[in-house]
Amino acid sequence: MISKKDKKDNMTKEPDKDFLEFLIKSLVDHPDDVKVDRRVDEMGVLLTLTVNPEDMGQIIGKAGSTARAIRNLVRIVGLKNHARVNLKIEEPAGGRAPRRMAEEKRGDLEDLNL
């Protein structure tokens, strides 16, 4: 029979990180590429998620709905453990055009006088 002390020793001290890893690995096509970094500071816990660039769409979801739901679930796990938990999803290299280019495109459209 397993004693309460053994159960406590077997339980992880980072349930938020373990939960996030389990959740994300269940969603993506490349579970081996999932990396979760956990940092604790005066503001609370920051979980940084890195996934394969091909899996970013599955993590973010339509209009960010999946990412919003994941953040909510991670916060709930944090509340259960009396911690403030935030999630940062790392963008893959080359994932977004620089802002300057986006602003230039807008300027080009304004020149058309439509």
PDB file of N, CA and C in Angstrom:
ATOM      1  N   MET A   1       0.834  -1.166   0.000  1.00  0.00           N
ATOM      2  CA  MET A   1       0.000   0.000   0.000  1.00  0.00           C
ATOM      3  C   MET A   1       0.891   1.246   0.000  1.00  0.00           C
ATOM      4  N   ILE A   2       0.486   2.256  -0.791  1.00  0.00           N
ATOM      5  CA  ILE A   2       1.270   3.485  -0.911  1.00  0.00           C
ATOM      6  C   ILE A   2       0.844   4.463   0.174  1.00  0.00           C
ATOM      7  N   SER A   3       1.818   4.953   0.919  1.00  0.00           N
ATOM      8  CA  SER A   3       1.506   5.894   1.994  1.00  0.00           C
ATOM      9  C   SER A   3       1.297   7.294   1.428  1.00  0.00           C
ATOM     10  N   LYS A   4       0.725   8.163   2.246  1.00  0.00           N
ATOM     11  CA  LYS A   4       0.497   9.546   1.822  1.00  0.00           C
ATOM     12  C   LYS A   4       1.810  10.255   1.533  1.00  0.00           C
ATOM     13  N   LYS A   5       2.841   9.940   2.299  1.00  0.00           N
ATOM     14  CA  LYS A   5       4.142  10.564   2.101  1.00  0.00           C
ATOM     15  C   LYS A   5       4.702  10.184   0.731  1.00  0.00           C
ATOM     16  N   ASP A   6       4.582   8.897   0.338  1.00  0.00           N
ATOM     17  CA  ASP A   6       5.072   8.452  -0.969  1.00  0.00           C
ATOM     18  C   ASP A   6       4.324   9.133  -2.095  1.00  0.00           C
ATOM     19  N   LYS A   7       3.008   9.293  -1.937  1.00  0.00           N
ATOM     20  CA  LYS A   7       2.225   9.986  -2.956  1.00  0.00           C
ATOM     21  C   LYS A   7       2.703  11.416  -3.104  1.00  0.00           C
ATOM     22  N   LYS A   8       2.949  12.056  -1.970  1.00  0.00           N
ATOM     23  CA  LYS A   8       3.397  13.443  -1.991  1.00  0.00           C
ATOM     24  C   LYS A   8       4.766  13.567  -2.663  1.00  0.00           C
ATOM     25  N   ASP A   9       5.676  12.610  -2.403  1.00  0.00           N
ATOM     26  CA  ASP A   9       7.008  12.632  -3.001  1.00  0.00           C
ATOM     27  C   ASP A   9       6.945  12.391  -4.510  1.00  0.00           C
ATOM     28  N   ASN A  10       5.996  11.572  -4.958  1.00  0.00           N
ATOM     29  CA  ASN A  10       5.871  11.267  -6.385  1.00  0.00           C
ATOM     30  C   ASN A  10       5.212  12.394  -7.168  1.00  0.00           C
ATOM     31  N   MET A  11       4.469  13.239  -6.464  1.00  0.00           N
ATOM     32  CA  MET A  11       3.799  14.344  -7.155  1.00  0.00           C
ATOM     33  C   MET A  11       4.823  15.392  -7.542  1.00  0.00           C
ATOM     34  N   THR A  12       4.630  15.974  -8.699  1.00  0.00           N
ATOM     35  CA  THR A  12       5.556  16.989  -9.167  1.00  0.00           C
ATOM     36  C   THR A  12       5.341  18.302  -8.438  1.00  0.00           C
ATOM     37  N   LYS A  13       6.371  19.116  -8.406  1.00  0.00           N
ATOM     38  CA  LYS A  13       6.254  20.431  -7.786  1.00  0.00           C
ATOM     39  C   LYS A  13       5.884  21.476  -8.827  1.00  0.00           C
ATOM     40  N   GLU A  14       5.710  21.053 -10.065  1.00  0.00           N
ATOM     41  CA  GLU A  14       5.354  21.964 -11.146  1.00  0.00           C
ATOM     42  C   GLU A  14       4.123  21.439 -11.891  1.00  0.00           C
ATOM     43  N   PRO A  15       2.962  21.395 -11.238  1.00  0.00           N
ATOM     44  CA  PRO A  15       1.780  20.845 -11.901  1.00  0.00           C
ATOM     45  C   PRO A  15       1.329  21.676 -13.093  1.00  0.00           C
ATOM     46  N   ASP A  16       1.569  22.992 -13.054  1.00  0.00           N
ATOM     47  CA  ASP A  16       1.171  23.842 -14.170  1.00  0.00           C
ATOM     48  C   ASP A  16       1.984  23.518 -15.425  1.00  0.00           C
ATOM     49  N   LYS A  17       3.269  23.317 -15.276  1.00  0.00           N
ATOM     50  CA  LYS A  17       4.132  22.986 -16.412  1.00  0.00           C
ATOM     51  C   LYS A  17       3.773  21.604 -16.971  1.00  0.00           C
ATOM     52  N   ASP A  18       3.578  20.634 -16.078  1.00  0.00           N
ATOM     53  CA  ASP A  18       3.232  19.284 -16.524  1.00  0.00           C
ATOM     54  C   ASP A  18       1.891  19.263 -17.247  1.00  0.00           C
ATOM     55  N   PHE A  19       0.916  20.003 -16.721  1.00  0.00           N
ATOM     56  CA  PHE A  19      -0.393  20.067 -17.362  1.00  0.00           C
ATOM     57  C   PHE A  19      -0.293  20.677 -18.751  1.00  0.00           C
ATOM     58  N   LEU A  20       0.453  21.779 -18.878  1.00  0.00           N
ATOM     59  CA  LEU A  20       0.599  22.443 -20.174  1.00  0.00           C
ATOM     60  C   LEU A  20       1.285  21.519 -21.184  1.00  0.00           C
ATOM     61  N   GLU A  21       2.348  20.835 -20.762  1.00  0.00           N
ATOM     62  CA  GLU A  21       3.027  19.895 -21.662  1.00  0.00           C
ATOM     63  C   GLU A  21       2.079  18.807 -22.135  1.00  0.00           C
ATOM     64  N   PHE A  22       1.318  18.229 -21.213  1.00  0.00           N
ATOM     65  CA  PHE A  22       0.369  17.180 -21.577  1.00  0.00           C
ATOM     66  C   PHE A  22      -0.666  17.695 -22.571  1.00  0.00           C
ATOM     67  N   LEU A  23      -1.212  18.864 -22.293  1.00  0.00           N
ATOM     68  CA  LEU A  23      -2.251  19.444 -23.132  1.00  0.00           C
ATOM     69  C   LEU A  23      -1.735  19.731 -24.541  1.00  0.00           C
ATOM     70  N   ILE A  24      -0.591  20.387 -24.639  1.00  0.00           N
ATOM     71  CA  ILE A  24      -0.052  20.776 -25.936  1.00  0.00           C
ATOM     72  C   ILE A  24       0.384  19.557 -26.733  1.00  0.00           C
ATOM     73  N   LYS A  25       1.031  18.599 -26.079  1.00  0.00           N
ATOM     74  CA  LYS A  25       1.462  17.393 -26.789  1.00  0.00           C
ATOM     75  C   LYS A  25       0.271  16.618 -27.335  1.00  0.00           C
ATOM     76  N   SER A  26      -0.875  16.751 -26.687  1.00  0.00           N
ATOM     77  CA  SER A  26      -2.095  16.091 -27.172  1.00  0.00           C
ATOM     78  C   SER A  26      -2.669  16.786 -28.402  1.00  0.00           C
ATOM     79  N   LEU A  27      -2.367  18.076 -28.572  1.00  0.00           N
ATOM     80  CA  LEU A  27      -2.936  18.853 -29.671  1.00  0.00           C
ATOM     81  C   LEU A  27      -2.102  18.852 -30.944  1.00  0.00           C
ATOM     82  N   VAL A  28      -0.783  18.778 -30.827  1.00  0.00           N
ATOM     83  CA  VAL A  28       0.100  19.024 -31.961  1.00  0.00           C
ATOM     84  C   VAL A  28       0.455  17.749 -32.718  1.00  0.00           C
ATOM     85  N   ASP A  29       0.990  17.947 -33.942  1.00  0.00           N
ATOM     86  CA  ASP A  29       1.440  16.828 -34.770  1.00  0.00           C
ATOM     87  C   ASP A  29       2.874  16.417 -34.452  1.00  0.00           C
ATOM     88  N   HIS A  30       3.657  17.316 -33.853  1.00  0.00           N
ATOM     89  CA  HIS A  30       5.057  17.049 -33.518  1.00  0.00           C
ATOM     90  C   HIS A  30       5.262  17.193 -32.006  1.00  0.00           C
ATOM     91  N   PRO A  31       4.803  16.223 -31.208  1.00  0.00           N
ATOM     92  CA  PRO A  31       4.890  16.360 -29.751  1.00  0.00           C
ATOM     93  C   PRO A  31       6.321  16.377 -29.217  1.00  0.00           C
ATOM     94  N   ASP A  32       7.273  15.813 -29.962  1.00  0.00           N
ATOM     95  CA  ASP A  32       8.656  15.804 -29.496  1.00  0.00           C
ATOM     96  C   ASP A  32       9.282  17.201 -29.511  1.00  0.00           C
ATOM     97  N   ASP A  33       8.715  18.121 -30.306  1.00  0.00           N
ATOM     98  CA  ASP A  33       9.255  19.476 -30.420  1.00  0.00           C
ATOM     99  C   ASP A  33       8.681  20.442 -29.384  1.00  0.00           C
ATOM    100  N   VAL A  34       7.786  19.967 -28.537  1.00  0.00           N
ATOM    101  CA  VAL A  34       7.164  20.828 -27.528  1.00  0.00           C
ATOM    102  C   VAL A  34       8.141  21.061 -26.379  1.00  0.00           C
ATOM    103  N   LYS A  35       8.377  22.350 -26.064  1.00  0.00           N
ATOM    104  CA  LYS A  35       9.248  22.704 -24.946  1.00  0.00           C
ATOM    105  C   LYS A  35       8.533  23.744 -24.087  1.00  0.00           C
ATOM    106  N   VAL A  36       8.548  23.514 -22.790  1.00  0.00           N
ATOM    107  CA  VAL A  36       7.934  24.450 -21.854  1.00  0.00           C
ATOM    108  C   VAL A  36       8.997  24.875 -20.852  1.00  0.00           C
ATOM    109  N   ASP A  37       9.207  26.181 -20.757  1.00  0.00           N
ATOM    110  CA  ASP A  37      10.152  26.744 -19.802  1.00  0.00           C
ATOM    111  C   ASP A  37       9.341  27.419 -18.695  1.00  0.00           C
ATOM    112  N   ARG A  38       9.731  27.200 -17.452  1.00  0.00           N
ATOM    113  CA  ARG A  38       8.986  27.753 -16.305  1.00  0.00           C
ATOM    114  C   ARG A  38       9.896  28.679 -15.517  1.00  0.00           C
ATOM    115  N   ARG A  39       9.439  29.908 -15.314  1.00  0.00           N
ATOM    116  CA  ARG A  39      10.188  30.883 -14.525  1.00  0.00           C
ATOM    117  C   ARG A  39       9.276  31.470 -13.454  1.00  0.00           C
ATOM    118  N   VAL A  40       9.825  31.633 -12.272  1.00  0.00           N
ATOM    119  CA  VAL A  40       9.073  32.210 -11.159  1.00  0.00           C
ATOM    120  C   VAL A  40       9.755  33.509 -10.760  1.00  0.00           C
ATOM    121  N   ASP A  41       8.957  34.577 -10.648  1.00  0.00           N
ATOM    122  CA  ASP A  41       9.475  35.853 -10.162  1.00  0.00           C
ATOM    123  C   ASP A  41       8.427  36.506  -9.278  1.00  0.00           C
ATOM    124  N   GLU A  42       8.618  37.785  -8.943  1.00  0.00           N
ATOM    125  CA  GLU A  42       7.686  38.462  -8.044  1.00  0.00           C
ATOM    126  C   GLU A  42       6.296  38.635  -8.645  1.00  0.00           C
ATOM    127  N   MET A  43       6.177  38.553  -9.968  1.00  0.00           N
ATOM    128  CA  MET A  43       4.877  38.701 -10.638  1.00  0.00           C
ATOM    129  C   MET A  43       4.105  37.382 -10.685  1.00  0.00           C
ATOM    130  N   GLY A  44       4.769  36.266 -10.431  1.00  0.00           N
ATOM    131  CA  GLY A  44       4.117  34.965 -10.493  1.00  0.00           C
ATOM    132  C   GLY A  44       4.925  34.000 -11.325  1.00  0.00           C
ATOM    133  N   VAL A  45       4.229  33.083 -11.984  1.00  0.00           N
ATOM    134  CA  VAL A  45       4.865  32.052 -12.798  1.00  0.00           C
ATOM    135  C   VAL A  45       4.659  32.403 -14.263  1.00  0.00           C
ATOM    136  N   LEU A  46       5.733  32.316 -15.039  1.00  0.00           N
ATOM    137  CA  LEU A  46       5.653  32.529 -16.482  1.00  0.00           C
ATOM    138  C   LEU A  46       6.033  31.231 -17.177  1.00  0.00           C
ATOM    139  N   LEU A  47       5.095  30.676 -17.927  1.00  0.00           N
ATOM    140  CA  LEU A  47       5.355  29.490 -18.734  1.00  0.00           C
ATOM    141  C   LEU A  47       5.572  29.955 -20.169  1.00  0.00           C
ATOM    142  N   THR A  48       6.701  29.581 -20.749  1.00  0.00           N
ATOM    143  CA  THR A  48       7.010  29.936 -22.130  1.00  0.00           C
ATOM    144  C   THR A  48       6.922  28.676 -22.967  1.00  0.00           C
ATOM    145  N   LEU A  49       6.069  28.703 -23.980  1.00  0.00           N
ATOM    146  CA  LEU A  49       5.806  27.543 -24.820  1.00  0.00           C
ATOM    147  C   LEU A  49       6.473  27.706 -26.174  1.00  0.00           C
ATOM    148  N   THR A  50       7.214  26.683 -26.597  1.00  0.00           N
ATOM    149  CA  THR A  50       7.827  26.655 -27.916  1.00  0.00           C
ATOM    150  C   THR A  50       7.379  25.368 -28.595  1.00  0.00           C
ATOM    151  N   VAL A  51       6.854  25.496 -29.819  1.00  0.00           N
ATOM    152  CA  VAL A  51       6.411  24.337 -30.581  1.00  0.00           C
ATOM    153  C   VAL A  51       6.992  24.393 -31.985  1.00  0.00           C
ATOM    154  N   ASN A  52       6.823  23.314 -32.720  1.00  0.00           N
ATOM    155  CA  ASN A  52       7.233  23.256 -34.114  1.00  0.00           C
ATOM    156  C   ASN A  52       6.452  24.313 -34.894  1.00  0.00           C
ATOM    157  N   PRO A  53       7.109  25.057 -35.808  1.00  0.00           N
ATOM    158  CA  PRO A  53       6.395  26.096 -36.566  1.00  0.00           C
ATOM    159  C   PRO A  53       5.156  25.585 -37.309  1.00  0.00           C
ATOM    160  N   GLU A  54       5.172  24.328 -37.713  1.00  0.00           N
ATOM    161  CA  GLU A  54       4.010  23.762 -38.408  1.00  0.00           C
ATOM    162  C   GLU A  54       2.808  23.598 -37.483  1.00  0.00           C
ATOM    163  N   ASP A  55       3.042  23.575 -36.177  1.00  0.00           N
ATOM    164  CA  ASP A  55       1.970  23.365 -35.204  1.00  0.00           C
ATOM    165  C   ASP A  55       1.400  24.666 -34.642  1.00  0.00           C
ATOM    166  N   MET A  56       1.945  25.811 -35.044  1.00  0.00           N
ATOM    167  CA  MET A  56       1.490  27.086 -34.480  1.00  0.00           C
ATOM    168  C   MET A  56       0.002  27.336 -34.728  1.00  0.00           C
ATOM    169  N   GLY A  57      -0.492  26.987 -35.887  1.00  0.00           N
ATOM    170  CA  GLY A  57      -1.905  27.186 -36.192  1.00  0.00           C
ATOM    171  C   GLY A  57      -2.814  26.394 -35.269  1.00  0.00           C
ATOM    172  N   GLN A  58      -2.383  25.187 -34.916  1.00  0.00           N
ATOM    173  CA  GLN A  58      -3.188  24.361 -34.022  1.00  0.00           C
ATOM    174  C   GLN A  58      -3.200  24.925 -32.604  1.00  0.00           C
ATOM    175  N   ILE A  59      -2.112  25.551 -32.206  1.00  0.00           N
ATOM    176  CA  ILE A  59      -2.026  26.114 -30.856  1.00  0.00           C
ATOM    177  C   ILE A  59      -2.804  27.424 -30.757  1.00  0.00           C
ATOM    178  N   ILE A  60      -2.712  28.251 -31.787  1.00  0.00           N
ATOM    179  CA  ILE A  60      -3.381  29.554 -31.745  1.00  0.00           C
ATOM    180  C   ILE A  60      -4.875  29.412 -32.035  1.00  0.00           C
ATOM    181  N   GLY A  61      -5.239  28.628 -33.020  1.00  0.00           N
ATOM    182  CA  GLY A  61      -6.644  28.420 -33.339  1.00  0.00           C
ATOM    183  C   GLY A  61      -7.229  29.578 -34.120  1.00  0.00           C
ATOM    184  N   LYS A  62      -8.472  29.442 -34.489  1.00  0.00           N
ATOM    185  CA  LYS A  62      -9.152  30.471 -35.267  1.00  0.00           C
ATOM    186  C   LYS A  62      -9.366  31.715 -34.402  1.00  0.00           C
ATOM    187  N   ALA A  63      -8.818  32.830 -34.848  1.00  0.00           N
ATOM    188  CA  ALA A  63      -8.906  34.117 -34.143  1.00  0.00           C
ATOM    189  C   ALA A  63      -8.358  34.035 -32.713  1.00  0.00           C
ATOM    190  N   GLY A  64      -7.421  33.105 -32.473  1.00  0.00           N
ATOM    191  CA  GLY A  64      -6.798  32.994 -31.158  1.00  0.00           C
ATOM    192  C   GLY A  64      -7.636  32.288 -30.113  1.00  0.00           C
ATOM    193  N   SER A  65      -8.700  31.626 -30.534  1.00  0.00           N
ATOM    194  CA  SER A  65      -9.607  31.016 -29.552  1.00  0.00           C
ATOM    195  C   SER A  65      -8.953  29.862 -28.787  1.00  0.00           C
ATOM    196  N   THR A  66      -8.146  29.053 -29.456  1.00  0.00           N
ATOM    197  CA  THR A  66      -7.499  27.936 -28.768  1.00  0.00           C
ATOM    198  C   THR A  66      -6.460  28.455 -27.776  1.00  0.00           C
ATOM    199  N   ALA A  67      -5.667  29.442 -28.181  1.00  0.00           N
ATOM    200  CA  ALA A  67      -4.659  30.018 -27.285  1.00  0.00           C
ATOM    201  C   ALA A  67      -5.326  30.633 -26.056  1.00  0.00           C
ATOM    202  N   ARG A  68      -6.443  31.302 -26.252  1.00  0.00           N
ATOM    203  CA  ARG A  68      -7.176  31.914 -25.138  1.00  0.00           C
ATOM    204  C   ARG A  68      -7.672  30.827 -24.176  1.00  0.00           C
ATOM    205  N   ALA A  69      -8.181  29.729 -24.723  1.00  0.00           N
ATOM    206  CA  ALA A  69      -8.675  28.639 -23.878  1.00  0.00           C
ATOM    207  C   ALA A  69      -7.531  27.981 -23.103  1.00  0.00           C
ATOM    208  N   ILE A  70      -6.378  27.792 -23.759  1.00  0.00           N
ATOM    209  CA  ILE A  70      -5.219  27.203 -23.083  1.00  0.00           C
ATOM    210  C   ILE A  70      -4.771  28.111 -21.942  1.00  0.00           C
ATOM    211  N   ARG A  71      -4.729  29.413 -22.190  1.00  0.00           N
ATOM    212  CA  ARG A  71      -4.324  30.361 -21.135  1.00  0.00           C
ATOM    213  C   ARG A  71      -5.284  30.290 -19.943  1.00  0.00           C
ATOM    214  N   ASN A  72      -6.572  30.211 -20.232  1.00  0.00           N
ATOM    215  CA  ASN A  72      -7.563  30.107 -19.153  1.00  0.00           C
ATOM    216  C   ASN A  72      -7.363  28.838 -18.328  1.00  0.00           C
ATOM    217  N   LEU A  73      -7.122  27.716 -18.993  1.00  0.00           N
ATOM    218  CA  LEU A  73      -6.920  26.456 -18.277  1.00  0.00           C
ATOM    219  C   LEU A  73      -5.665  26.500 -17.413  1.00  0.00           C
ATOM    220  N   VAL A  74      -4.587  27.081 -17.942  1.00  0.00           N
ATOM    221  CA  VAL A  74      -3.345  27.176 -17.175  1.00  0.00           C
ATOM    222  C   VAL A  74      -3.535  28.076 -15.959  1.00  0.00           C
ATOM    223  N   ARG A  75      -4.290  29.161 -16.122  1.00  0.00           N
ATOM    224  CA  ARG A  75      -4.561  30.043 -14.976  1.00  0.00           C
ATOM    225  C   ARG A  75      -5.359  29.311 -13.897  1.00  0.00           C
ATOM    226  N   ILE A  76      -6.312  28.486 -14.317  1.00  0.00           N
ATOM    227  CA  ILE A  76      -7.122  27.728 -13.350  1.00  0.00           C
ATOM    228  C   ILE A  76      -6.245  26.761 -12.567  1.00  0.00           C
ATOM    229  N   VAL A  77      -5.323  26.069 -13.254  1.00  0.00           N
ATOM    230  CA  VAL A  77      -4.399  25.169 -12.556  1.00  0.00           C
ATOM    231  C   VAL A  77      -3.554  25.969 -11.568  1.00  0.00           C
ATOM    232  N   GLY A  78      -3.130  27.160 -11.973  1.00  0.00           N
ATOM    233  CA  GLY A  78      -2.364  28.018 -11.074  1.00  0.00           C
ATOM    234  C   GLY A  78      -3.159  28.437  -9.857  1.00  0.00           C
ATOM    235  N   LEU A  79      -4.420  28.785 -10.051  1.00  0.00           N
ATOM    236  CA  LEU A  79      -5.266  29.187  -8.917  1.00  0.00           C
ATOM    237  C   LEU A  79      -5.420  28.056  -7.904  1.00  0.00           C
ATOM    238  N   LYS A  80      -5.542  26.836  -8.404  1.00  0.00           N
ATOM    239  CA  LYS A  80      -5.655  25.689  -7.507  1.00  0.00           C
ATOM    240  C   LYS A  80      -4.408  25.539  -6.643  1.00  0.00           C
ATOM    241  N   ASN A  81      -3.273  25.972  -7.187  1.00  0.00           N
ATOM    242  CA  ASN A  81      -2.001  25.851  -6.475  1.00  0.00           C
ATOM    243  C   ASN A  81      -1.536  27.187  -5.892  1.00  0.00           C
ATOM    244  N   HIS A  82      -2.463  28.141  -5.803  1.00  0.00           N
ATOM    245  CA  HIS A  82      -2.195  29.445  -5.192  1.00  0.00           C
ATOM    246  C   HIS A  82      -1.044  30.183  -5.871  1.00  0.00           C
ATOM    247  N   ALA A  83      -1.066  30.196  -7.207  1.00  0.00           N
ATOM    248  CA  ALA A  83      -0.033  30.903  -7.958  1.00  0.00           C
ATOM    249  C   ALA A  83      -0.672  31.621  -9.137  1.00  0.00           C
ATOM    250  N   ARG A  84      -0.085  32.737  -9.511  1.00  0.00           N
ATOM    251  CA  ARG A  84      -0.535  33.460 -10.692  1.00  0.00           C
ATOM    252  C   ARG A  84       0.305  32.963 -11.867  1.00  0.00           C
ATOM    253  N   VAL A  85      -0.347  32.341 -12.841  1.00  0.00           N
ATOM    254  CA  VAL A  85       0.363  31.724 -13.958  1.00  0.00           C
ATOM    255  C   VAL A  85      -0.013  32.430 -15.256  1.00  0.00           C
ATOM    256  N   ASN A  86       1.005  32.796 -16.033  1.00  0.00           N
ATOM    257  CA  ASN A  86       0.819  33.399 -17.346  1.00  0.00           C
ATOM    258  C   ASN A  86       1.505  32.531 -18.387  1.00  0.00           C
ATOM    259  N   LEU A  87       0.988  32.563 -19.611  1.00  0.00           N
ATOM    260  CA  LEU A  87       1.527  31.767 -20.705  1.00  0.00           C
ATOM    261  C   LEU A  87       2.002  32.682 -21.817  1.00  0.00           C
ATOM    262  N   LYS A  88       3.229  32.443 -22.263  1.00  0.00           N
ATOM    263  CA  LYS A  88       3.784  33.156 -23.407  1.00  0.00           C
ATOM    264  C   LYS A  88       4.058  32.124 -24.482  1.00  0.00           C
ATOM    265  N   ILE A  89       3.506  32.348 -25.677  1.00  0.00           N
ATOM    266  CA  ILE A  89       3.724  31.437 -26.804  1.00  0.00           C
ATOM    267  C   ILE A  89       4.787  32.063 -27.687  1.00  0.00           C
ATOM    268  N   GLU A  90       5.923  31.385 -27.811  1.00  0.00           N
ATOM    269  CA  GLU A  90       7.036  31.889 -28.603  1.00  0.00           C
ATOM    270  C   GLU A  90       6.711  31.776 -30.092  1.00  0.00           C
ATOM    271  N   GLU A  91       6.963  32.860 -30.816  1.00  0.00           N
ATOM    272  CA  GLU A  91       6.789  32.835 -32.271  1.00  0.00           C
ATOM    273  C   GLU A  91       7.992  32.184 -32.912  1.00  0.00           C
ATOM    274  N   PRO A  92       7.790  31.379 -33.948  1.00  0.00           N
ATOM    275  CA  PRO A  92       8.937  30.802 -34.648  1.00  0.00           C
ATOM    276  C   PRO A  92       9.674  31.878 -35.433  1.00  0.00           C
ATOM    277  N   ALA A  93      10.939  31.646 -35.720  1.00  0.00           N
ATOM    278  CA  ALA A  93      11.735  32.610 -36.480  1.00  0.00           C
ATOM    279  C   ALA A  93      11.092  32.828 -37.838  1.00  0.00           C
ATOM    280  N   GLY A  94      10.950  34.092 -38.228  1.00  0.00           N
ATOM    281  CA  GLY A  94      10.334  34.399 -39.516  1.00  0.00           C
ATOM    282  C   GLY A  94       8.833  34.221 -39.520  1.00  0.00           C
ATOM    283  N   GLY A  95       8.230  34.165 -38.345  1.00  0.00           N
ATOM    284  CA  GLY A  95       6.798  33.913 -38.249  1.00  0.00           C
ATOM    285  C   GLY A  95       5.922  35.095 -38.595  1.00  0.00           C
ATOM    286  N   ARG A  96       6.414  36.303 -38.407  1.00  0.00           N
ATOM    287  CA  ARG A  96       5.601  37.495 -38.642  1.00  0.00           C
ATOM    288  C   ARG A  96       6.452  38.530 -39.369  1.00  0.00           C
ATOM    289  N   ALA A  97       5.842  39.222 -40.303  1.00  0.00           N
ATOM    290  CA  ALA A  97       6.556  40.268 -41.030  1.00  0.00           C
ATOM    291  C   ALA A  97       6.877  41.413 -40.079  1.00  0.00           C
ATOM    292  N   PRO A  98       8.026  42.060 -40.260  1.00  0.00           N
ATOM    293  CA  PRO A  98       8.335  43.202 -39.399  1.00  0.00           C
ATOM    294  C   PRO A  98       7.279  44.278 -39.536  1.00  0.00           C
ATOM    295  N   ARG A  99       7.051  45.026 -38.473  1.00  0.00           N
ATOM    296  CA  ARG A  99       6.015  46.050 -38.465  1.00  0.00           C
ATOM    297  C   ARG A  99       6.221  47.097 -39.540  1.00  0.00           C
ATOM    298  N   ARG A 100       7.443  47.459 -39.780  1.00  0.00           N
ATOM    299  CA  ARG A 100       7.734  48.499 -40.745  1.00  0.00           C
ATOM    300  C   ARG A 100       7.152  48.138 -42.113  1.00  0.00           C
ATOM    301  N   MET A 101       7.293  46.891 -42.522  1.00  0.00           N
ATOM    302  CA  MET A 101       6.774  46.467 -43.818  1.00  0.00           C
ATOM    303  C   MET A 101       5.247  46.540 -43.844  1.00  0.00           C
ATOM    304  N   ALA A 102       4.617  46.163 -42.750  1.00  0.00           N
ATOM    305  CA  ALA A 102       3.156  46.211 -42.690  1.00  0.00           C
ATOM    306  C   ALA A 102       2.667  47.649 -42.799  1.00  0.00           C
ATOM    307  N   GLU A 103       3.370  48.579 -42.151  1.00  0.00           N
ATOM    308  CA  GLU A 103       2.982  49.988 -42.220  1.00  0.00           C
ATOM    309  C   GLU A 103       3.179  50.542 -43.631  1.00  0.00           C
ATOM    310  N   GLU A 104       4.258  50.113 -44.313  1.00  0.00           N
ATOM    311  CA  GLU A 104       4.497  50.569 -45.678  1.00  0.00           C
ATOM    312  C   GLU A 104       3.383  50.099 -46.610  1.00  0.00           C
ATOM    313  N   LYS A 105       2.915  48.875 -46.415  1.00  0.00           N
ATOM    314  CA  LYS A 105       1.830  48.343 -47.246  1.00  0.00           C
ATOM    315  C   LYS A 105       0.565  49.175 -47.047  1.00  0.00           C
ATOM    316  N   ARG A 106       0.281  49.561 -45.804  1.00  0.00           N
ATOM    317  CA  ARG A 106      -0.885  50.394 -45.542  1.00  0.00           C
ATOM    318  C   ARG A 106      -0.755  51.738 -46.251  1.00  0.00           C
ATOM    319  N   GLY A 107       0.433  52.282 -46.231  1.00  0.00           N
ATOM    320  CA  GLY A 107       0.685  53.565 -46.908  1.00  0.00           C
ATOM    321  C   GLY A 107       0.463  53.454 -48.407  1.00  0.00           C
ATOM    322  N   ASP A 108       0.856  52.329 -48.995  1.00  0.00           N
ATOM    323  CA  ASP A 108       0.648  52.104 -50.416  1.00  0.00           C
ATOM    324  C   ASP A 108      -0.828  52.069 -50.756  1.00  0.00           C
ATOM    325  N   LEU A 109      -1.626  51.472 -49.897  1.00  0.00           N
ATOM    326  CA  LEU A 109      -3.066  51.399 -50.136  1.00  0.00           C
ATOM    327  C   LEU A 109      -3.717  52.775 -50.037  1.00  0.00           C
ATOM    328  N   GLU A 110      -3.215  53.602 -49.136  1.00  0.00           N
ATOM    329  CA  GLU A 110      -3.770  54.943 -49.000  1.00  0.00           C
ATOM    330  C   GLU A 110      -3.501  55.781 -50.227  1.00  0.00           C
ATOM    331  N   ASP A 111      -2.397  55.533 -50.922  1.00  0.00           N
ATOM    332  CA  ASP A 111      -2.038  56.272 -52.146  1.00  0.00           C
ATOM    333  C   ASP A 111      -3.015  55.979 -53.287  1.00  0.00           C
ATOM    334  N   LEU A 112      -3.739  54.879 -53.206  1.00  0.00           N
ATOM    335  CA  LEU A 112      -4.653  54.518 -54.287  1.00  0.00           C
ATOM    336  C   LEU A 112      -5.910  55.391 -54.308  1.00  0.00           C
ATOM    337  N   ASN A 113      -6.222  56.038 -53.200  1.00  0.00           N
ATOM    338  CA  ASN A 113      -7.408  56.898 -53.087  1.00  0.00           C
ATOM    339  C   ASN A 113      -8.692  56.178 -53.486  1.00  0.00           C
ATOM    340  N   LEU A 114      -8.924  55.061 -52.880  1.00  0.00           N
ATOM    341  CA  LEU A 114     -10.137  54.293 -53.200  1.00  0.00           C
ATOM    342  C   LEU A 114     -11.327  54.785 -52.456  1.00  0.00           C
TER     343      LEU A 114
END
